[in-house]
């Protein structure tokens, strides 16, 4: 990956938006609010640029909204972190995804599009993980996105359910021939959204064992019938704060947030299916 070698103020007229920018859907949305924030607080984080193909120009790898806000404010320059050389489109996309994950959470559709783009370029879940730091199991779920029925894709794109719940719901709705029932999948996805990983797997297992079992009974069994164990762990103050932040962001308890992280790590190491 390219490295930052300098920070400098760059003329807005010398900037071009790179094709690797991950925010391809409505990048101008909320620019007025961002411009107002910048006018009061200043630019809190510089954009990231590299040399453009056109001599004398700089290509924006991350920060197109900050760039547009500066234009709205009629500023002449913007603070930029300069990389040590040109990067190709796939590396630019990786940089953009990673920067947005750290600075501002991407929407489901933007994150999905970025991960699928990188997977199609790299061809490996592990390579995408190394480029972005996004957990392997999350990448694995988003790679499965194209096979979802349109109704589930819409729920994921709108942020109604997460990709893992959608994938598991479609798995649970499939008949013996592997054909999904869209209506059942949508209903299951909405029920499975607040569930833990083991509970979702329980739903899939029950449906495959007894496809005719009423969905209400499947959901109730998954919520109450799965055996769980308590693990006591000692963590640092910073780790505890990070778990608290994750729990608040995901609207779950701290126990659920920590359990999710453990399942994610074990799945990434191939120790949990």
C-alpha atoms as a PDB file:
ATOM      1  CA  UNK A   1       0.000   0.000   0.000  1.00  0.00           C
ATOM      2  CA  UNK A   2       1.097   3.565  -0.680  1.00  0.00           C
ATOM      3  CA  UNK A   3       2.306   5.706   2.230  1.00  0.00           C
ATOM      4  CA  UNK A   4       1.760   9.337   3.221  1.00  0.00           C
ATOM      5  CA  UNK A   5       4.985  11.304   2.764  1.00  0.00           C
ATOM      6  CA  UNK A   6       3.833  14.904   3.218  1.00  0.00           C
ATOM      7  CA  UNK A   7       1.012  17.223   4.260  1.00  0.00           C
ATOM      8  CA  UNK A   8       0.393  20.387   2.269  1.00  0.00           C
ATOM      9  CA  UNK A   9      -2.264  22.879   1.211  1.00  0.00           C
ATOM     10  CA  UNK A  10      -3.377  22.127  -2.336  1.00  0.00           C
ATOM     11  CA  UNK A  11      -5.157  24.497  -4.717  1.00  0.00           C
ATOM     12  CA  UNK A  12      -8.744  23.359  -5.368  1.00  0.00           C
ATOM     13  CA  UNK A  13      -8.237  24.049  -9.073  1.00  0.00           C
ATOM     14  CA  UNK A  14      -5.407  21.493  -9.090  1.00  0.00           C
ATOM     15  CA  UNK A  15      -7.604  18.641  -7.782  1.00  0.00           C
ATOM     16  CA  UNK A  16      -9.551  15.962  -9.644  1.00  0.00           C
ATOM     17  CA  UNK A  17     -11.821  13.358  -8.030  1.00  0.00           C
ATOM     18  CA  UNK A  18     -10.407   9.876  -8.435  1.00  0.00           C
ATOM     19  CA  UNK A  19     -12.397   6.968  -9.860  1.00  0.00           C
ATOM     20  CA  UNK A  20     -11.582   4.946  -6.769  1.00  0.00           C
ATOM     21  CA  UNK A  21     -13.781   7.094  -4.506  1.00  0.00           C
ATOM     22  CA  UNK A  22     -16.158   4.723  -2.736  1.00  0.00           C
ATOM     23  CA  UNK A  23     -18.927   7.281  -2.232  1.00  0.00           C
ATOM     24  CA  UNK A  24     -20.434   6.987  -5.686  1.00  0.00           C
ATOM     25  CA  UNK A  25     -24.062   7.345  -4.549  1.00  0.00           C
ATOM     26  CA  UNK A  26     -25.157  10.931  -3.829  1.00  0.00           C
ATOM     27  CA  UNK A  27     -21.685  12.215  -2.877  1.00  0.00           C
ATOM     28  CA  UNK A  28     -23.113  15.737  -2.678  1.00  0.00           C
ATOM     29  CA  UNK A  29     -25.743  14.843  -0.077  1.00  0.00           C
ATOM     30  CA  UNK A  30     -25.283  16.817   3.124  1.00  0.00           C
ATOM     31  CA  UNK A  31     -22.593  19.064   1.663  1.00  0.00           C
ATOM     32  CA  UNK A  32     -24.222  22.216   3.071  1.00  0.00           C
ATOM     33  CA  UNK A  33     -24.098  20.793   6.609  1.00  0.00           C
ATOM     34  CA  UNK A  34     -20.490  19.725   6.130  1.00  0.00           C
ATOM     35  CA  UNK A  35     -19.581  23.152   4.748  1.00  0.00           C
ATOM     36  CA  UNK A  36     -21.190  24.803   7.776  1.00  0.00           C
ATOM     37  CA  UNK A  37     -19.197  22.545  10.101  1.00  0.00           C
ATOM     38  CA  UNK A  38     -15.934  23.317   8.292  1.00  0.00           C
ATOM     39  CA  UNK A  39     -16.638  27.044   8.367  1.00  0.00           C
ATOM     40  CA  UNK A  40     -17.031  26.877  12.166  1.00  0.00           C
ATOM     41  CA  UNK A  41     -14.538  24.204  13.208  1.00  0.00           C
ATOM     42  CA  UNK A  42     -12.184  24.117  10.246  1.00  0.00           C
ATOM     43  CA  UNK A  43     -11.149  20.960   8.409  1.00  0.00           C
ATOM     44  CA  UNK A  44     -10.663  18.263  11.057  1.00  0.00           C
ATOM     45  CA  UNK A  45      -9.066  15.704   8.745  1.00  0.00           C
ATOM     46  CA  UNK A  46      -7.162  16.341   5.498  1.00  0.00           C
ATOM     47  CA  UNK A  47      -8.107  14.701   2.238  1.00  0.00           C
ATOM     48  CA  UNK A  48      -5.759  12.100   0.736  1.00  0.00           C
ATOM     49  CA  UNK A  49      -4.253  12.665  -2.714  1.00  0.00           C
ATOM     50  CA  UNK A  50      -1.680  11.277  -5.104  1.00  0.00           C
ATOM     51  CA  UNK A  51      -0.238  12.561  -8.357  1.00  0.00           C
ATOM     52  CA  UNK A  52      -2.826  12.562 -11.147  1.00  0.00           C
ATOM     53  CA  UNK A  53      -2.243  11.398 -14.709  1.00  0.00           C
ATOM     54  CA  UNK A  54      -2.445  15.024 -15.812  1.00  0.00           C
ATOM     55  CA  UNK A  55       0.848  16.784 -14.965  1.00  0.00           C
ATOM     56  CA  UNK A  56       0.497  19.320 -12.186  1.00  0.00           C
ATOM     57  CA  UNK A  57      -2.798  17.876 -10.927  1.00  0.00           C
ATOM     58  CA  UNK A  58      -3.612  15.873  -7.787  1.00  0.00           C
ATOM     59  CA  UNK A  59      -6.102  12.997  -7.666  1.00  0.00           C
ATOM     60  CA  UNK A  60      -8.449  12.838  -4.656  1.00  0.00           C
ATOM     61  CA  UNK A  61      -8.434   9.337  -3.193  1.00  0.00           C
ATOM     62  CA  UNK A  62     -10.490  10.138  -0.092  1.00  0.00           C
ATOM     63  CA  UNK A  63     -12.348  13.293   0.803  1.00  0.00           C
ATOM     64  CA  UNK A  64     -14.490  14.249  -2.177  1.00  0.00           C
ATOM     65  CA  UNK A  65     -17.250  15.582   0.118  1.00  0.00           C
ATOM     66  CA  UNK A  66     -14.724  17.710   2.009  1.00  0.00           C
ATOM     67  CA  UNK A  67     -13.440  18.954  -1.350  1.00  0.00           C
ATOM     68  CA  UNK A  68     -16.989  19.829  -2.516  1.00  0.00           C
ATOM     69  CA  UNK A  69     -17.672  21.601   0.785  1.00  0.00           C
ATOM     70  CA  UNK A  70     -14.538  23.724   0.311  1.00  0.00           C
ATOM     71  CA  UNK A  71     -15.726  24.645  -3.176  1.00  0.00           C
ATOM     72  CA  UNK A  72     -19.104  25.661  -1.755  1.00  0.00           C
ATOM     73  CA  UNK A  73     -17.288  27.867   0.759  1.00  0.00           C
ATOM     74  CA  UNK A  74     -15.290  29.370  -2.135  1.00  0.00           C
ATOM     75  CA  UNK A  75     -12.006  28.450  -0.525  1.00  0.00           C
ATOM     76  CA  UNK A  76      -8.874  28.397  -2.654  1.00  0.00           C
ATOM     77  CA  UNK A  77      -6.957  25.591  -0.908  1.00  0.00           C
ATOM     78  CA  UNK A  78      -7.534  22.476   1.160  1.00  0.00           C
ATOM     79  CA  UNK A  79      -5.224  20.543   3.479  1.00  0.00           C
ATOM     80  CA  UNK A  80      -4.121  17.249   1.924  1.00  0.00           C
ATOM     81  CA  UNK A  81      -2.069  14.211   2.859  1.00  0.00           C
ATOM     82  CA  UNK A  82       0.134  13.327  -0.118  1.00  0.00           C
ATOM     83  CA  UNK A  83       0.992   9.718  -0.970  1.00  0.00           C
ATOM     84  CA  UNK A  84       4.423   8.667  -2.202  1.00  0.00           C
ATOM     85  CA  UNK A  85       3.260   7.894  -5.726  1.00  0.00           C
ATOM     86  CA  UNK A  86       0.374   7.080  -8.028  1.00  0.00           C
ATOM     87  CA  UNK A  87      -1.921   4.221  -7.097  1.00  0.00           C
ATOM     88  CA  UNK A  88      -4.075   2.104  -9.371  1.00  0.00           C
ATOM     89  CA  UNK A  89      -7.865   2.111  -9.141  1.00  0.00           C
ATOM     90  CA  UNK A  90      -8.136  -0.970  -6.941  1.00  0.00           C
ATOM     91  CA  UNK A  91      -5.663   0.393  -4.378  1.00  0.00           C
ATOM     92  CA  UNK A  92      -7.445   3.758  -4.463  1.00  0.00           C
ATOM     93  CA  UNK A  93     -10.753   1.995  -3.760  1.00  0.00           C
ATOM     94  CA  UNK A  94      -9.183   0.096  -0.843  1.00  0.00           C
ATOM     95  CA  UNK A  95      -7.808   3.337   0.602  1.00  0.00           C
ATOM     96  CA  UNK A  96     -11.184   5.050   0.216  1.00  0.00           C
ATOM     97  CA  UNK A  97     -13.128   2.219   1.857  1.00  0.00           C
ATOM     98  CA  UNK A  98     -10.709   1.943   4.761  1.00  0.00           C
ATOM     99  CA  UNK A  99     -10.600   5.694   5.383  1.00  0.00           C
ATOM    100  CA  UNK A 100     -14.394   5.945   5.351  1.00  0.00           C
ATOM    101  CA  UNK A 101     -14.753   3.012   7.728  1.00  0.00           C
ATOM    102  CA  UNK A 102     -12.462   4.732  10.219  1.00  0.00           C
ATOM    103  CA  UNK A 103     -13.760   8.284   9.767  1.00  0.00           C
ATOM    104  CA  UNK A 104     -17.405   7.834   8.886  1.00  0.00           C
ATOM    105  CA  UNK A 105     -19.432   4.606   8.744  1.00  0.00           C
ATOM    106  CA  UNK A 106     -20.430   3.689   5.209  1.00  0.00           C
ATOM    107  CA  UNK A 107     -24.005   2.761   4.359  1.00  0.00           C
ATOM    108  CA  UNK A 108     -24.824  -0.862   3.591  1.00  0.00           C
ATOM    109  CA  UNK A 109     -24.982  -0.271  -0.151  1.00  0.00           C
ATOM    110  CA  UNK A 110     -21.750   1.728  -0.310  1.00  0.00           C
ATOM    111  CA  UNK A 111     -19.864  -0.802   1.772  1.00  0.00           C
ATOM    112  CA  UNK A 112     -21.308  -3.700  -0.228  1.00  0.00           C
ATOM    113  CA  UNK A 113     -20.389  -2.106  -3.546  1.00  0.00           C
ATOM    114  CA  UNK A 114     -16.854  -1.387  -2.363  1.00  0.00           C
ATOM    115  CA  UNK A 115     -16.246  -4.890  -1.020  1.00  0.00           C
ATOM    116  CA  UNK A 116     -17.639  -6.548  -4.141  1.00  0.00           C
ATOM    117  CA  UNK A 117     -15.468  -4.299  -6.298  1.00  0.00           C
ATOM    118  CA  UNK A 118     -12.334  -5.246  -4.381  1.00  0.00           C
ATOM    119  CA  UNK A 119     -13.222  -8.929  -4.322  1.00  0.00           C
ATOM    120  CA  UNK A 120     -13.700  -8.932  -8.102  1.00  0.00           C
ATOM    121  CA  UNK A 121     -10.296  -7.287  -8.479  1.00  0.00           C
ATOM    122  CA  UNK A 122      -8.322  -9.284  -5.897  1.00  0.00           C
ATOM    123  CA  UNK A 123     -10.262 -12.555  -6.231  1.00  0.00           C
ATOM    124  CA  UNK A 124      -9.605 -13.511  -2.604  1.00  0.00           C
ATOM    125  CA  UNK A 125     -11.340 -12.803   0.695  1.00  0.00           C
ATOM    126  CA  UNK A 126      -7.980 -12.813   2.440  1.00  0.00           C
ATOM    127  CA  UNK A 127      -6.536 -10.222   0.008  1.00  0.00           C
ATOM    128  CA  UNK A 128      -9.510  -7.904   0.591  1.00  0.00           C
ATOM    129  CA  UNK A 129      -9.045  -8.337   4.343  1.00  0.00           C
ATOM    130  CA  UNK A 130      -5.348  -7.471   4.094  1.00  0.00           C
ATOM    131  CA  UNK A 131      -6.115  -4.384   1.981  1.00  0.00           C
ATOM    132  CA  UNK A 132      -8.917  -3.006   4.151  1.00  0.00           C
ATOM    133  CA  UNK A 133      -8.857  -4.642   7.575  1.00  0.00           C
ATOM    134  CA  UNK A 134     -12.567  -5.469   7.218  1.00  0.00           C
ATOM    135  CA  UNK A 135     -13.295  -8.751   9.078  1.00  0.00           C
ATOM    136  CA  UNK A 136     -13.156 -11.837   6.856  1.00  0.00           C
ATOM    137  CA  UNK A 137     -16.624 -13.082   7.780  1.00  0.00           C
ATOM    138  CA  UNK A 138     -18.123  -9.697   6.899  1.00  0.00           C
ATOM    139  CA  UNK A 139     -16.365  -9.778   3.528  1.00  0.00           C
ATOM    140  CA  UNK A 140     -17.574 -13.358   3.039  1.00  0.00           C
ATOM    141  CA  UNK A 141     -21.191 -12.286   3.630  1.00  0.00           C
ATOM    142  CA  UNK A 142     -20.986  -9.345   1.227  1.00  0.00           C
ATOM    143  CA  UNK A 143     -19.472 -11.556  -1.468  1.00  0.00           C
ATOM    144  CA  UNK A 144     -22.678 -13.617  -1.207  1.00  0.00           C
ATOM    145  CA  UNK A 145     -24.815 -10.514  -1.827  1.00  0.00           C
ATOM    146  CA  UNK A 146     -25.238 -11.053  -5.601  1.00  0.00           C
ATOM    147  CA  UNK A 147     -27.039 -14.363  -5.053  1.00  0.00           C
ATOM    148  CA  UNK A 148     -29.694 -12.829  -2.772  1.00  0.00           C
ATOM    149  CA  UNK A 149     -33.245 -12.502  -4.083  1.00  0.00           C
ATOM    150  CA  UNK A 150     -34.162  -8.894  -5.047  1.00  0.00           C
ATOM    151  CA  UNK A 151     -36.409  -8.485  -2.005  1.00  0.00           C
ATOM    152  CA  UNK A 152     -33.525  -9.220   0.365  1.00  0.00           C
ATOM    153  CA  UNK A 153     -31.120  -7.011  -1.586  1.00  0.00           C
ATOM    154  CA  UNK A 154     -33.551  -4.131  -1.097  1.00  0.00           C
ATOM    155  CA  UNK A 155     -33.717  -4.742   2.670  1.00  0.00           C
ATOM    156  CA  UNK A 156     -29.907  -4.766   2.874  1.00  0.00           C
ATOM    157  CA  UNK A 157     -29.519  -1.651   0.703  1.00  0.00           C
ATOM    158  CA  UNK A 158     -32.086   0.219   2.817  1.00  0.00           C
ATOM    159  CA  UNK A 159     -30.385  -0.810   6.051  1.00  0.00           C
ATOM    160  CA  UNK A 160     -33.420  -2.706   7.330  1.00  0.00           C
ATOM    161  CA  UNK A 161     -31.402  -5.890   7.893  1.00  0.00           C
ATOM    162  CA  UNK A 162     -27.676  -6.586   7.816  1.00  0.00           C
ATOM    163  CA  UNK A 163     -26.088  -8.762   5.176  1.00  0.00           C
ATOM    164  CA  UNK A 164     -25.493 -11.710   7.509  1.00  0.00           C
ATOM    165  CA  UNK A 165     -29.153 -11.881   8.538  1.00  0.00           C
ATOM    166  CA  UNK A 166     -30.187 -11.693   4.874  1.00  0.00           C
ATOM    167  CA  UNK A 167     -27.812 -14.485   3.821  1.00  0.00           C
ATOM    168  CA  UNK A 168     -28.902 -16.754   6.675  1.00  0.00           C
ATOM    169  CA  UNK A 169     -32.587 -15.996   6.000  1.00  0.00           C
ATOM    170  CA  UNK A 170     -32.263 -16.979   2.343  1.00  0.00           C
ATOM    171  CA  UNK A 171     -30.429 -20.160   3.335  1.00  0.00           C
ATOM    172  CA  UNK A 172     -33.280 -20.973   5.722  1.00  0.00           C
ATOM    173  CA  UNK A 173     -35.929 -20.318   3.047  1.00  0.00           C
ATOM    174  CA  UNK A 174     -34.501 -22.662   0.402  1.00  0.00           C
ATOM    175  CA  UNK A 175     -36.260 -25.878  -0.564  1.00  0.00           C
ATOM    176  CA  UNK A 176     -34.556 -29.226  -1.208  1.00  0.00           C
ATOM    177  CA  UNK A 177     -33.575 -28.055  -4.693  1.00  0.00           C
ATOM    178  CA  UNK A 178     -31.937 -24.897  -3.334  1.00  0.00           C
ATOM    179  CA  UNK A 179     -34.655 -22.524  -4.586  1.00  0.00           C
ATOM    180  CA  UNK A 180     -35.420 -19.717  -2.086  1.00  0.00           C
ATOM    181  CA  UNK A 181     -38.926 -18.569  -1.151  1.00  0.00           C
ATOM    182  CA  UNK A 182     -38.733 -14.773  -1.277  1.00  0.00           C
ATOM    183  CA  UNK A 183     -41.688 -14.150   1.049  1.00  0.00           C
ATOM    184  CA  UNK A 184     -40.363 -16.565   3.679  1.00  0.00           C
ATOM    185  CA  UNK A 185     -36.838 -15.154   3.311  1.00  0.00           C
ATOM    186  CA  UNK A 186     -38.015 -11.580   3.918  1.00  0.00           C
ATOM    187  CA  UNK A 187     -40.035 -12.594   6.957  1.00  0.00           C
ATOM    188  CA  UNK A 188     -37.149 -14.579   8.402  1.00  0.00           C
ATOM    189  CA  UNK A 189     -34.625 -11.810   7.703  1.00  0.00           C
ATOM    190  CA  UNK A 190     -36.635  -9.296   9.714  1.00  0.00           C
ATOM    191  CA  UNK A 191     -36.976 -11.756  12.600  1.00  0.00           C
ATOM    192  CA  UNK A 192     -33.301 -12.737  12.463  1.00  0.00           C
ATOM    193  CA  UNK A 193     -31.906  -9.181  12.323  1.00  0.00           C
ATOM    194  CA  UNK A 194     -31.716  -8.760  16.148  1.00  0.00           C
ATOM    195  CA  UNK A 195     -30.547 -12.346  16.721  1.00  0.00           C
ATOM    196  CA  UNK A 196     -27.054 -13.458  17.638  1.00  0.00           C
ATOM    197  CA  UNK A 197     -24.932 -15.557  15.296  1.00  0.00           C
ATOM    198  CA  UNK A 198     -25.731 -18.894  17.008  1.00  0.00           C
ATOM    199  CA  UNK A 199     -29.448 -18.093  17.002  1.00  0.00           C
ATOM    200  CA  UNK A 200     -29.389 -17.408  13.255  1.00  0.00           C
ATOM    201  CA  UNK A 201     -27.572 -20.672  12.634  1.00  0.00           C
ATOM    202  CA  UNK A 202     -30.197 -22.413  14.761  1.00  0.00           C
ATOM    203  CA  UNK A 203     -32.936 -21.056  12.492  1.00  0.00           C
ATOM    204  CA  UNK A 204     -31.185 -22.396   9.385  1.00  0.00           C
ATOM    205  CA  UNK A 205     -30.620 -25.803  11.014  1.00  0.00           C
ATOM    206  CA  UNK A 206     -34.254 -26.103  12.105  1.00  0.00           C
ATOM    207  CA  UNK A 207     -35.607 -25.150   8.692  1.00  0.00           C
ATOM    208  CA  UNK A 208     -33.397 -27.680   6.940  1.00  0.00           C
ATOM    209  CA  UNK A 209     -34.364 -30.418   9.399  1.00  0.00           C
ATOM    210  CA  UNK A 210     -38.098 -29.672   9.255  1.00  0.00           C
ATOM    211  CA  UNK A 211     -39.103 -27.271   6.421  1.00  0.00           C
ATOM    212  CA  UNK A 212     -42.797 -27.574   7.360  1.00  0.00           C
ATOM    213  CA  UNK A 213     -42.315 -26.404  10.945  1.00  0.00           C
ATOM    214  CA  UNK A 214     -44.217 -23.118  11.506  1.00  0.00           C
ATOM    215  CA  UNK A 215     -41.931 -20.116  11.302  1.00  0.00           C
ATOM    216  CA  UNK A 216     -43.219 -18.810  14.627  1.00  0.00           C
ATOM    217  CA  UNK A 217     -42.050 -22.018  16.316  1.00  0.00           C
ATOM    218  CA  UNK A 218     -38.678 -21.862  14.554  1.00  0.00           C
ATOM    219  CA  UNK A 219     -38.090 -18.294  15.720  1.00  0.00           C
ATOM    220  CA  UNK A 220     -39.175 -19.019  19.291  1.00  0.00           C
ATOM    221  CA  UNK A 221     -36.943 -22.084  19.519  1.00  0.00           C
ATOM    222  CA  UNK A 222     -33.977 -20.148  18.125  1.00  0.00           C
ATOM    223  CA  UNK A 223     -34.443 -17.372  20.678  1.00  0.00           C
ATOM    224  CA  UNK A 224     -34.957 -19.555  23.734  1.00  0.00           C
ATOM    225  CA  UNK A 225     -33.630 -23.003  22.944  1.00  0.00           C
ATOM    226  CA  UNK A 226     -29.990 -22.373  22.045  1.00  0.00           C
ATOM    227  CA  UNK A 227     -27.554 -23.298  24.828  1.00  0.00           C
ATOM    228  CA  UNK A 228     -25.240 -20.442  25.691  1.00  0.00           C
ATOM    229  CA  UNK A 229     -22.204 -20.185  27.970  1.00  0.00           C
ATOM    230  CA  UNK A 230     -20.759 -17.260  29.850  1.00  0.00           C
ATOM    231  CA  UNK A 231     -17.087 -16.435  29.453  1.00  0.00           C
ATOM    232  CA  UNK A 232     -15.435 -13.966  31.832  1.00  0.00           C
ATOM    233  CA  UNK A 233     -12.545 -12.022  30.302  1.00  0.00           C
ATOM    234  CA  UNK A 234     -10.316  -9.271  31.665  1.00  0.00           C
ATOM    235  CA  UNK A 235      -9.673  -6.440  29.206  1.00  0.00           C
ATOM    236  CA  UNK A 236      -7.922  -3.107  29.252  1.00  0.00           C
ATOM    237  CA  UNK A 237      -9.706   0.193  29.776  1.00  0.00           C
ATOM    238  CA  UNK A 238      -9.322   1.083  26.092  1.00  0.00           C
ATOM    239  CA  UNK A 239     -10.721  -2.274  24.988  1.00  0.00           C
ATOM    240  CA  UNK A 240     -13.706  -1.872  27.308  1.00  0.00           C
ATOM    241  CA  UNK A 241     -14.401   1.585  25.910  1.00  0.00           C
ATOM    242  CA  UNK A 242     -14.192   0.197  22.376  1.00  0.00           C
ATOM    243  CA  UNK A 243     -16.717  -2.539  23.227  1.00  0.00           C
ATOM    244  CA  UNK A 244     -19.023   0.061  24.765  1.00  0.00           C
ATOM    245  CA  UNK A 245     -18.780   2.188  21.611  1.00  0.00           C
ATOM    246  CA  UNK A 246     -19.522  -0.826  19.415  1.00  0.00           C
ATOM    247  CA  UNK A 247     -22.515  -1.788  21.548  1.00  0.00           C
ATOM    248  CA  UNK A 248     -23.916   1.740  21.319  1.00  0.00           C
ATOM    249  CA  UNK A 249     -23.334   1.891  17.574  1.00  0.00           C
ATOM    250  CA  UNK A 250     -24.933  -1.512  16.928  1.00  0.00           C
ATOM    251  CA  UNK A 251     -27.729  -0.916  19.487  1.00  0.00           C
ATOM    252  CA  UNK A 252     -26.934  -4.106  21.410  1.00  0.00           C
ATOM    253  CA  UNK A 253     -25.736  -4.918  24.921  1.00  0.00           C
ATOM    254  CA  UNK A 254     -22.031  -5.034  25.751  1.00  0.00           C
ATOM    255  CA  UNK A 255     -22.279  -8.817  26.173  1.00  0.00           C
ATOM    256  CA  UNK A 256     -23.806  -9.162  22.712  1.00  0.00           C
ATOM    257  CA  UNK A 257     -21.162  -6.892  21.199  1.00  0.00           C
ATOM    258  CA  UNK A 258     -18.328  -8.860  22.820  1.00  0.00           C
ATOM    259  CA  UNK A 259     -19.904 -12.196  21.806  1.00  0.00           C
ATOM    260  CA  UNK A 260     -20.166 -10.973  18.227  1.00  0.00           C
ATOM    261  CA  UNK A 261     -16.496 -10.011  18.170  1.00  0.00           C
ATOM    262  CA  UNK A 262     -15.490 -13.436  19.522  1.00  0.00           C
ATOM    263  CA  UNK A 263     -17.609 -15.245  16.917  1.00  0.00           C
ATOM    264  CA  UNK A 264     -16.170 -12.991  14.212  1.00  0.00           C
ATOM    265  CA  UNK A 265     -12.587 -13.761  15.237  1.00  0.00           C
ATOM    266  CA  UNK A 266     -13.191 -17.516  15.496  1.00  0.00           C
ATOM    267  CA  UNK A 267     -14.906 -17.588  12.104  1.00  0.00           C
ATOM    268  CA  UNK A 268     -12.040 -15.636  10.568  1.00  0.00           C
ATOM    269  CA  UNK A 269      -9.583 -18.249  11.864  1.00  0.00           C
ATOM    270  CA  UNK A 270     -11.681 -21.087  10.474  1.00  0.00           C
ATOM    271  CA  UNK A 271     -12.533 -22.424  13.950  1.00  0.00           C
ATOM    272  CA  UNK A 272     -16.272 -21.706  13.708  1.00  0.00           C
ATOM    273  CA  UNK A 273     -18.564 -22.383  10.763  1.00  0.00           C
END
